[in-house]
Amino acid sequence: MAQPSLGILTLYLNDDRLLEERLVYQKMITAGRKLGLDCFVFTPQDVNYQQNRIHAMLYDPVTKVWSRKWRRFPHMIYDRCRIQRSHRFEQLLRFRAKYGHLTFLNRPLRNKWTVYKTLSREARFRPHLPFTKIVENSNDLREMIGKYPLLYLKPINGTGGRGILRIERKPQKLWLIQGRDHSRRIIKPEMVSSSQLLQKLAAWEMKNHRYVIQQGIHIKLPNGRVHDYRMLVQKNAQGKWELTGCAGRVGAPGSITSNLHGGGKAASMHSLLSRWIRDEAKVDQIEKEASELGVQIAEFLESSYSDLCELALDLAIDQNGRIWLLEVNPKPAREVFARAGEHNTYRKAIIRPLEYALWLHRQKSRIKEEEEDPSSS
């Protein structure tokens, strides 16, 4: 039997063919070789659609050199493509449409609004979901402003903290607006009246992006910085969902989000949560509950949509210990664990998709053998 192959599908960040996660891919290719899995990297731009061949990017762990070689399509595809507003993303959509019949470890997940609506249909998840509305007109904004003293305005397809506003009610009918633009730059905080607030929100890049407005959770530490938790759940070598790890994130000074790309810092979940809750028994209980919730959400979303192999859940935990799901990310980075000093978790996060790919390949090979020779089953 030929060695199983895995193509890591990604997108160049620009027209100079810059790769965002080159170091992670090097680690995956190296680990894959040790496991008996042939891994390479490619983008839709590297595909010859007439010959069904890929001008693949190969990495040699011995020489530590990248090279190019024309390859056949792999047995499996691990889709790492994040949303871009570029012609490269249009190429990705065409690739997915043409080759959607192939074996993918993971399929695209829906946007924030669709995921929220799907999860909110399940009674067991509703206590963990901040109330959220799609913004269709100013009445949606007015309703949420009247209902909640803290709100977040988010693009439905945004990542990395881009384009998010934090809106907080203050005394004397004033509102504090803070946020980041779509280039992640921090916007100078501004205090406005209630009437000015609606005008500001209505003008906030609504023409170019669709938004949701979400109930805010108070997660500011005593030093004024916001914090949350990044949980990674992945399928393991038996094809089952399992918690890989959860780490804390503390936002940069003046930032409304905790994203590492926006200047945030990482910490272990236990140490950060212990500072926040200050009750060791309760901290242990919250960690256990969060782990169970993460696996349940992953299983449910996969059953609701299509094949998935990993999800990152951004969690907020209020001072009563209640767990809130802020966001689901189907293309998670792993660096939070390395920055938090959790190097075993970081290595596990890299290897698990490879182990799952090998399990999936064995399952499909067994089914194929049984179909070709029914007497063997």
Protein backbone atom coordinates (compact mmCIF):
# COMPACT_ATOMS: atom_id res chain seq x y z
CA MET A 1 0.00 0.00 0.00
CA ALA A 2 1.32 3.46 -0.92
CA GLN A 3 2.28 5.80 1.88
CA PRO A 4 -0.72 8.01 2.77
CA SER A 5 -0.33 11.65 1.80
CA LEU A 6 -1.75 14.83 3.29
CA GLY A 7 -1.91 18.13 1.46
CA ILE A 8 -1.98 21.17 3.74
CA LEU A 9 -4.12 23.71 1.88
CA THR A 10 -3.44 27.35 2.70
CA LEU A 11 -3.50 30.82 1.11
CA TYR A 12 -0.66 33.18 0.38
CA LEU A 13 -0.98 36.37 2.38
CA ASN A 14 0.04 38.57 -0.54
CA ASP A 15 1.13 38.43 -4.18
CA ASP A 16 4.74 37.83 -3.09
CA ARG A 17 3.63 34.36 -1.92
CA LEU A 18 4.16 35.00 1.77
CA LEU A 19 3.04 32.11 4.00
CA GLU A 20 1.73 32.96 7.46
CA GLU A 21 2.38 29.65 9.24
CA ARG A 22 5.52 28.37 7.52
CA LEU A 23 7.15 27.33 10.82
CA VAL A 24 4.06 25.36 11.86
CA TYR A 25 4.01 23.60 8.48
CA GLN A 26 7.67 22.69 8.88
CA LYS A 27 6.85 21.07 12.21
CA MET A 28 3.87 19.24 10.72
CA ILE A 29 5.86 17.89 7.76
CA THR A 30 8.65 16.77 10.11
CA ALA A 31 6.20 15.07 12.49
CA GLY A 32 4.31 13.54 9.56
CA ARG A 33 7.47 11.90 8.25
CA LYS A 34 8.05 10.24 11.65
CA LEU A 35 4.44 8.98 11.67
CA GLY A 36 4.60 7.61 8.13
CA LEU A 37 2.50 10.39 6.61
CA ASP A 38 3.76 12.25 3.54
CA CYS A 39 2.83 15.93 4.01
CA PHE A 40 3.23 18.88 1.69
CA VAL A 41 1.83 22.42 1.45
CA PHE A 42 -0.04 24.00 -1.44
CA THR A 43 -2.45 26.81 -2.32
CA PRO A 44 -5.19 26.97 -4.99
CA GLN A 45 -2.74 29.09 -6.99
CA ASP A 46 -0.38 26.09 -7.21
CA VAL A 47 -2.92 23.76 -8.88
CA ASN A 48 -2.90 22.82 -12.56
CA TYR A 49 -6.61 22.29 -13.12
CA GLN A 50 -6.17 20.70 -16.57
CA GLN A 51 -3.72 18.01 -15.43
CA ASN A 52 -4.97 17.74 -11.83
CA ARG A 53 -1.45 18.22 -10.52
CA ILE A 54 -0.08 20.37 -7.72
CA HIS A 55 3.15 22.39 -7.74
CA ALA A 56 3.66 21.47 -4.10
CA MET A 57 5.88 23.08 -1.47
CA LEU A 58 8.05 20.40 0.13
CA TYR A 59 10.21 20.70 3.25
CA ASP A 60 13.21 18.48 3.99
CA PRO A 61 13.69 18.15 7.79
CA VAL A 62 17.29 16.98 7.26
CA THR A 63 18.55 19.83 5.07
CA LYS A 64 15.91 22.28 6.42
CA VAL A 65 15.30 23.47 2.85
CA TRP A 66 12.00 24.16 1.09
CA SER A 67 11.61 23.11 -2.55
CA ARG A 68 8.94 22.71 -5.23
CA LYS A 69 7.84 19.57 -7.01
CA TRP A 70 4.86 18.60 -9.15
CA ARG A 71 2.74 16.11 -7.22
CA ARG A 72 -0.45 14.14 -7.64
CA PHE A 73 -3.39 15.08 -5.49
CA PRO A 74 -2.97 13.81 -1.91
CA HIS A 75 -5.16 11.19 -0.27
CA MET A 76 -6.45 13.84 2.14
CA ILE A 77 -6.58 17.64 2.38
CA TYR A 78 -6.20 19.64 5.57
CA ASP A 79 -7.81 23.02 4.87
CA ARG A 80 -6.07 25.84 6.77
CA CYS A 81 -7.46 28.69 4.65
CA ARG A 82 -8.76 31.72 6.52
CA ILE A 83 -11.07 34.32 5.03
CA GLN A 84 -9.38 37.02 2.95
CA ARG A 85 -10.81 39.93 0.99
CA SER A 86 -8.66 39.14 -2.05
CA HIS A 87 -8.55 37.41 -5.43
CA ARG A 88 -6.74 34.56 -3.67
CA PHE A 89 -9.88 33.77 -1.68
CA GLU A 90 -11.90 33.71 -4.90
CA GLN A 91 -9.43 31.11 -6.20
CA LEU A 92 -10.03 29.08 -3.03
CA LEU A 93 -13.80 29.08 -3.58
CA ARG A 94 -13.29 27.77 -7.12
CA PHE A 95 -10.92 25.07 -5.82
CA ARG A 96 -13.41 23.92 -3.19
CA ALA A 97 -16.19 23.81 -5.77
CA LYS A 98 -14.16 21.72 -8.25
CA TYR A 99 -12.53 19.35 -5.75
CA GLY A 100 -15.18 19.16 -3.05
CA HIS A 101 -15.56 15.42 -3.67
CA LEU A 102 -12.06 14.74 -2.29
CA THR A 103 -11.36 13.72 1.30
CA PHE A 104 -11.04 16.81 3.51
CA LEU A 105 -10.21 16.57 7.21
CA ASN A 106 -12.25 19.72 7.74
CA ARG A 107 -14.84 21.67 5.81
CA PRO A 108 -15.56 25.41 6.09
CA LEU A 109 -17.62 26.44 9.11
CA ARG A 110 -20.38 29.03 8.85
CA ASN A 111 -20.12 32.66 9.99
CA LYS A 112 -20.57 33.93 13.56
CA TRP A 113 -24.29 34.57 13.14
CA THR A 114 -25.11 31.18 11.66
CA VAL A 115 -23.05 29.34 14.29
CA TYR A 116 -24.80 31.32 17.04
CA LYS A 117 -28.25 30.47 15.65
CA THR A 118 -27.32 26.80 15.35
CA LEU A 119 -26.01 26.53 18.91
CA SER A 120 -28.89 28.54 20.38
CA ARG A 121 -31.37 25.90 19.19
CA GLU A 122 -29.90 23.54 21.80
CA ALA A 123 -31.11 24.18 25.36
CA ARG A 124 -27.86 22.86 26.88
CA PHE A 125 -25.80 25.55 25.10
CA ARG A 126 -28.08 28.57 25.57
CA PRO A 127 -26.85 29.44 29.11
CA HIS A 128 -23.34 29.82 27.65
CA LEU A 129 -24.24 32.11 24.72
CA PRO A 130 -24.18 35.91 25.08
CA PHE A 131 -27.33 37.23 23.43
CA THR A 132 -26.52 38.17 19.83
CA LYS A 133 -28.38 39.87 16.96
CA ILE A 134 -27.55 40.36 13.32
CA VAL A 135 -27.51 44.09 12.52
CA GLU A 136 -30.05 44.75 9.78
CA ASN A 137 -30.91 48.35 10.67
CA SER A 138 -30.67 50.96 13.44
CA ASN A 139 -33.58 49.37 15.33
CA ASP A 140 -31.39 46.33 16.04
CA LEU A 141 -28.75 48.62 17.51
CA ARG A 142 -31.34 50.61 19.49
CA GLU A 143 -32.85 47.42 20.98
CA MET A 144 -29.51 46.08 22.18
CA ILE A 145 -28.40 49.44 23.59
CA GLY A 146 -31.59 49.59 25.62
CA LYS A 147 -31.12 46.06 26.94
CA TYR A 148 -27.43 45.71 27.83
CA PRO A 149 -24.92 48.06 29.49
CA LEU A 150 -21.98 46.44 27.66
CA LEU A 151 -21.95 45.40 23.99
CA TYR A 152 -19.58 44.23 21.28
CA LEU A 153 -20.09 45.01 17.59
CA LYS A 154 -18.34 42.37 15.44
CA PRO A 155 -18.06 41.63 11.70
CA ILE A 156 -19.66 38.24 11.08
CA ASN A 157 -16.57 36.94 9.27
CA GLY A 158 -13.87 38.85 11.14
CA THR A 159 -10.84 37.27 12.80
CA GLY A 160 -7.97 38.44 14.99
CA GLY A 161 -9.94 41.24 16.64
CA ARG A 162 -10.33 43.23 13.41
CA GLY A 163 -13.19 45.69 13.14
CA ILE A 164 -14.58 45.13 16.65
CA LEU A 165 -16.13 47.88 18.81
CA ARG A 166 -16.71 47.73 22.56
CA ILE A 167 -19.62 49.91 23.75
CA GLU A 168 -20.11 50.51 27.48
CA ARG A 169 -22.78 52.54 29.27
CA LYS A 170 -21.41 55.18 31.65
CA PRO A 171 -23.07 57.59 34.10
CA GLN A 172 -24.99 60.65 32.89
CA LYS A 173 -26.33 58.80 29.81
CA LEU A 174 -22.91 58.62 28.20
CA TRP A 175 -21.34 55.72 26.30
CA LEU A 176 -17.68 54.80 25.93
CA ILE A 177 -16.69 53.49 22.48
CA GLN A 178 -13.39 51.66 22.00
CA GLY A 179 -12.13 49.22 19.42
CA ARG A 180 -9.86 48.21 16.57
CA ASP A 181 -10.17 48.97 12.88
CA HIS A 182 -9.89 46.31 10.16
CA SER A 183 -6.10 46.59 10.24
CA ARG A 184 -6.13 45.78 14.00
CA ARG A 185 -5.10 49.37 14.90
CA ILE A 186 -6.45 50.52 18.27
CA ILE A 187 -9.05 53.28 17.93
CA LYS A 188 -8.81 56.14 20.41
CA PRO A 189 -11.56 55.77 23.09
CA GLU A 190 -14.43 58.22 22.70
CA MET A 191 -17.26 59.26 25.06
CA VAL A 192 -20.55 60.04 23.31
CA SER A 193 -24.17 60.72 24.18
CA SER A 194 -26.94 58.21 23.49
CA SER A 195 -28.04 60.05 20.35
CA GLN A 196 -24.48 60.29 19.06
CA LEU A 197 -23.91 56.60 19.76
CA LEU A 198 -26.40 55.37 17.15
CA GLN A 199 -24.93 57.70 14.55
CA LYS A 200 -21.41 56.45 15.31
CA LEU A 201 -22.41 52.79 15.14
CA ALA A 202 -24.44 53.20 11.95
CA ALA A 203 -21.40 54.77 10.27
CA TRP A 204 -18.98 52.06 11.43
CA GLU A 205 -17.96 50.49 8.09
CA MET A 206 -21.41 48.92 7.75
CA LYS A 207 -21.35 49.32 3.97
CA ASN A 208 -18.41 46.96 3.53
CA HIS A 209 -19.06 44.38 6.25
CA ARG A 210 -22.02 42.62 7.85
CA TYR A 211 -22.10 42.80 11.63
CA VAL A 212 -23.54 41.16 14.71
CA ILE A 213 -24.02 42.96 18.01
CA GLN A 214 -23.41 40.85 21.10
CA GLN A 215 -24.09 41.13 24.81
CA GLY A 216 -20.80 41.98 26.52
CA ILE A 217 -19.32 40.05 29.45
CA HIS A 218 -17.27 41.93 32.05
CA ILE A 219 -13.81 40.36 31.82
CA LYS A 220 -11.51 43.24 32.81
CA LEU A 221 -8.82 42.32 35.29
CA PRO A 222 -8.04 44.72 38.18
CA ASN A 223 -5.29 46.26 36.02
CA GLY A 224 -7.90 47.22 33.41
CA ARG A 225 -6.86 44.69 30.78
CA VAL A 226 -9.40 42.31 29.27
CA HIS A 227 -8.80 38.58 29.40
CA ASP A 228 -10.33 35.40 28.01
CA TYR A 229 -9.44 31.78 27.29
CA ARG A 230 -8.56 30.01 24.04
CA MET A 231 -9.63 26.36 24.08
CA LEU A 232 -8.52 23.92 21.40
CA VAL A 233 -10.52 20.73 20.79
CA GLN A 234 -9.29 18.28 18.16
CA LYS A 235 -9.99 14.80 16.91
CA ASN A 236 -7.49 12.26 18.22
CA ALA A 237 -5.87 9.13 16.77
CA GLN A 238 -9.13 7.20 17.30
CA GLY A 239 -11.24 9.80 15.46
CA LYS A 240 -12.83 11.10 18.69
CA TRP A 241 -13.15 14.71 19.82
CA GLU A 242 -10.90 15.52 22.76
CA LEU A 243 -9.62 18.58 24.61
CA THR A 244 -6.06 19.38 23.54
CA GLY A 245 -5.60 22.37 25.84
CA CYS A 246 -6.86 25.72 27.06
CA ALA A 247 -4.74 28.81 27.70
CA GLY A 248 -5.46 32.28 29.02
CA ARG A 249 -4.95 35.49 27.06
CA VAL A 250 -4.56 38.99 28.48
CA GLY A 251 -5.07 41.94 26.14
CA ALA A 252 -2.60 44.73 25.52
CA PRO A 253 -3.12 48.00 27.45
CA GLY A 254 -6.01 49.90 25.89
CA SER A 255 -7.12 46.93 23.77
CA ILE A 256 -10.70 45.64 23.88
CA THR A 257 -9.61 42.15 22.77
CA SER A 258 -7.03 39.70 24.03
CA ASN A 259 -5.69 38.57 20.64
CA LEU A 260 -1.97 37.82 20.61
CA HIS A 261 -1.56 39.48 17.21
CA GLY A 262 -2.95 42.63 18.80
CA GLY A 263 -0.25 42.67 21.49
CA GLY A 264 -1.88 40.28 23.98
CA LYS A 265 0.01 38.00 26.36
CA ALA A 266 -0.54 34.30 27.06
CA ALA A 267 -0.73 32.50 30.39
CA SER A 268 -1.80 29.09 31.63
CA MET A 269 -5.55 28.83 32.11
CA HIS A 270 -5.19 27.69 35.71
CA SER A 271 -2.94 30.55 36.80
CA LEU A 272 -5.07 33.23 35.12
CA LEU A 273 -8.35 31.77 36.31
CA SER A 274 -7.00 31.48 39.87
CA ARG A 275 -6.21 35.21 39.83
CA TRP A 276 -9.74 35.93 38.61
CA ILE A 277 -11.84 33.55 40.74
CA ARG A 278 -9.59 33.08 43.83
CA ASP A 279 -11.22 29.78 44.84
CA GLU A 280 -9.12 26.75 43.93
CA ALA A 281 -11.96 24.22 44.17
CA LYS A 282 -14.18 26.40 41.98
CA VAL A 283 -11.35 26.87 39.46
CA ASP A 284 -10.99 23.10 39.09
CA GLN A 285 -14.75 22.75 38.62
CA ILE A 286 -14.81 25.47 35.93
CA GLU A 287 -11.93 23.86 34.04
CA LYS A 288 -13.72 20.50 34.02
CA GLU A 289 -17.01 22.06 32.90
CA ALA A 290 -15.26 24.05 30.16
CA SER A 291 -13.55 20.92 28.85
CA GLU A 292 -16.84 19.00 28.65
CA LEU A 293 -18.60 21.96 27.02
CA GLY A 294 -15.89 22.33 24.37
CA VAL A 295 -16.14 18.69 23.28
CA GLN A 296 -19.95 18.83 23.22
CA ILE A 297 -19.93 21.96 21.05
CA ALA A 298 -17.45 20.42 18.59
CA GLU A 299 -19.49 17.22 18.29
CA PHE A 300 -22.72 19.18 17.79
CA LEU A 301 -21.33 21.58 15.17
CA GLU A 302 -19.86 18.72 13.17
CA SER A 303 -23.20 16.88 13.25
CA SER A 304 -24.95 20.11 12.19
CA TYR A 305 -22.66 20.97 9.27
CA SER A 306 -19.93 18.76 7.88
CA ASP A 307 -16.52 17.22 8.53
CA LEU A 308 -14.37 19.00 11.10
CA CYS A 309 -11.13 17.97 12.77
CA GLU A 310 -10.44 20.87 15.16
CA LEU A 311 -12.04 23.99 16.61
CA ALA A 312 -10.84 26.82 18.79
CA LEU A 313 -13.38 28.18 21.26
CA ASP A 314 -12.91 31.64 22.73
CA LEU A 315 -14.36 31.57 26.22
CA ALA A 316 -15.12 34.29 28.75
CA ILE A 317 -15.62 33.38 32.40
CA ASP A 318 -17.39 35.92 34.58
CA GLN A 319 -16.65 36.39 38.28
CA ASN A 320 -19.49 34.05 39.21
CA GLY A 321 -17.70 31.29 37.32
CA ARG A 322 -20.20 31.15 34.45
CA ILE A 323 -18.66 30.08 31.13
CA TRP A 324 -19.57 32.08 28.03
CA LEU A 325 -18.78 31.13 24.43
CA LEU A 326 -17.64 34.27 22.63
CA GLU A 327 -16.59 32.79 19.31
CA VAL A 328 -15.77 29.61 17.38
CA ASN A 329 -12.72 29.48 15.11
CA PRO A 330 -12.37 26.54 12.68
CA LYS A 331 -8.81 27.47 11.62
CA PRO A 332 -7.06 27.88 14.97
CA ALA A 333 -3.49 28.98 15.54
CA ARG A 334 -1.47 27.12 18.16
CA GLU A 335 0.98 29.75 19.32
CA VAL A 336 -0.97 30.64 22.47
CA PHE A 337 0.23 27.38 24.05
CA ALA A 338 3.87 28.00 23.15
CA ARG A 339 3.66 31.55 24.53
CA ALA A 340 2.02 30.27 27.71
CA GLY A 341 4.95 27.88 28.20
CA GLU A 342 2.78 24.80 27.56
CA HIS A 343 5.12 23.18 25.07
CA ASN A 344 3.69 19.65 25.37
CA THR A 345 0.25 20.99 24.51
CA TYR A 346 1.74 22.93 21.59
CA ARG A 347 3.35 19.75 20.20
CA LYS A 348 0.11 17.81 20.70
CA ALA A 349 -1.82 20.54 18.85
CA ILE A 350 0.48 20.10 15.83
CA ILE A 351 0.50 16.30 15.80
CA ARG A 352 -3.19 15.54 16.43
CA PRO A 353 -4.46 16.46 12.93
CA LEU A 354 -1.76 14.15 11.50
CA GLU A 355 -2.77 11.28 13.77
CA TYR A 356 -6.41 11.84 12.86
CA ALA A 357 -5.50 11.87 9.15
CA LEU A 358 -3.83 8.47 9.50
CA TRP A 359 -6.88 7.08 11.32
CA LEU A 360 -9.20 8.47 8.64
CA HIS A 361 -7.06 6.98 5.86
CA ARG A 362 -7.14 3.55 7.52
CA GLN A 363 -10.92 3.76 7.89
CA LYS A 364 -11.43 4.67 4.23
CA SER A 365 -8.98 2.00 3.08
CA ARG A 366 -10.80 -0.65 5.09
CA ILE A 367 -14.19 0.38 3.67
CA LYS A 368 -12.77 0.33 0.14
CA GLU A 369 -11.32 -3.18 0.65
CA GLU A 370 -14.67 -4.45 1.96
CA GLU A 371 -16.50 -2.96 -1.05
CA GLU A 372 -14.04 -4.60 -3.47
CA ASP A 373 -14.08 -7.94 -1.63
CA PRO A 374 -17.29 -8.40 0.43
CA SER A 375 -16.12 -11.84 1.58
CA SER A 376 -13.26 -10.26 3.54
CA SER A 377 -15.61 -8.53 6.05
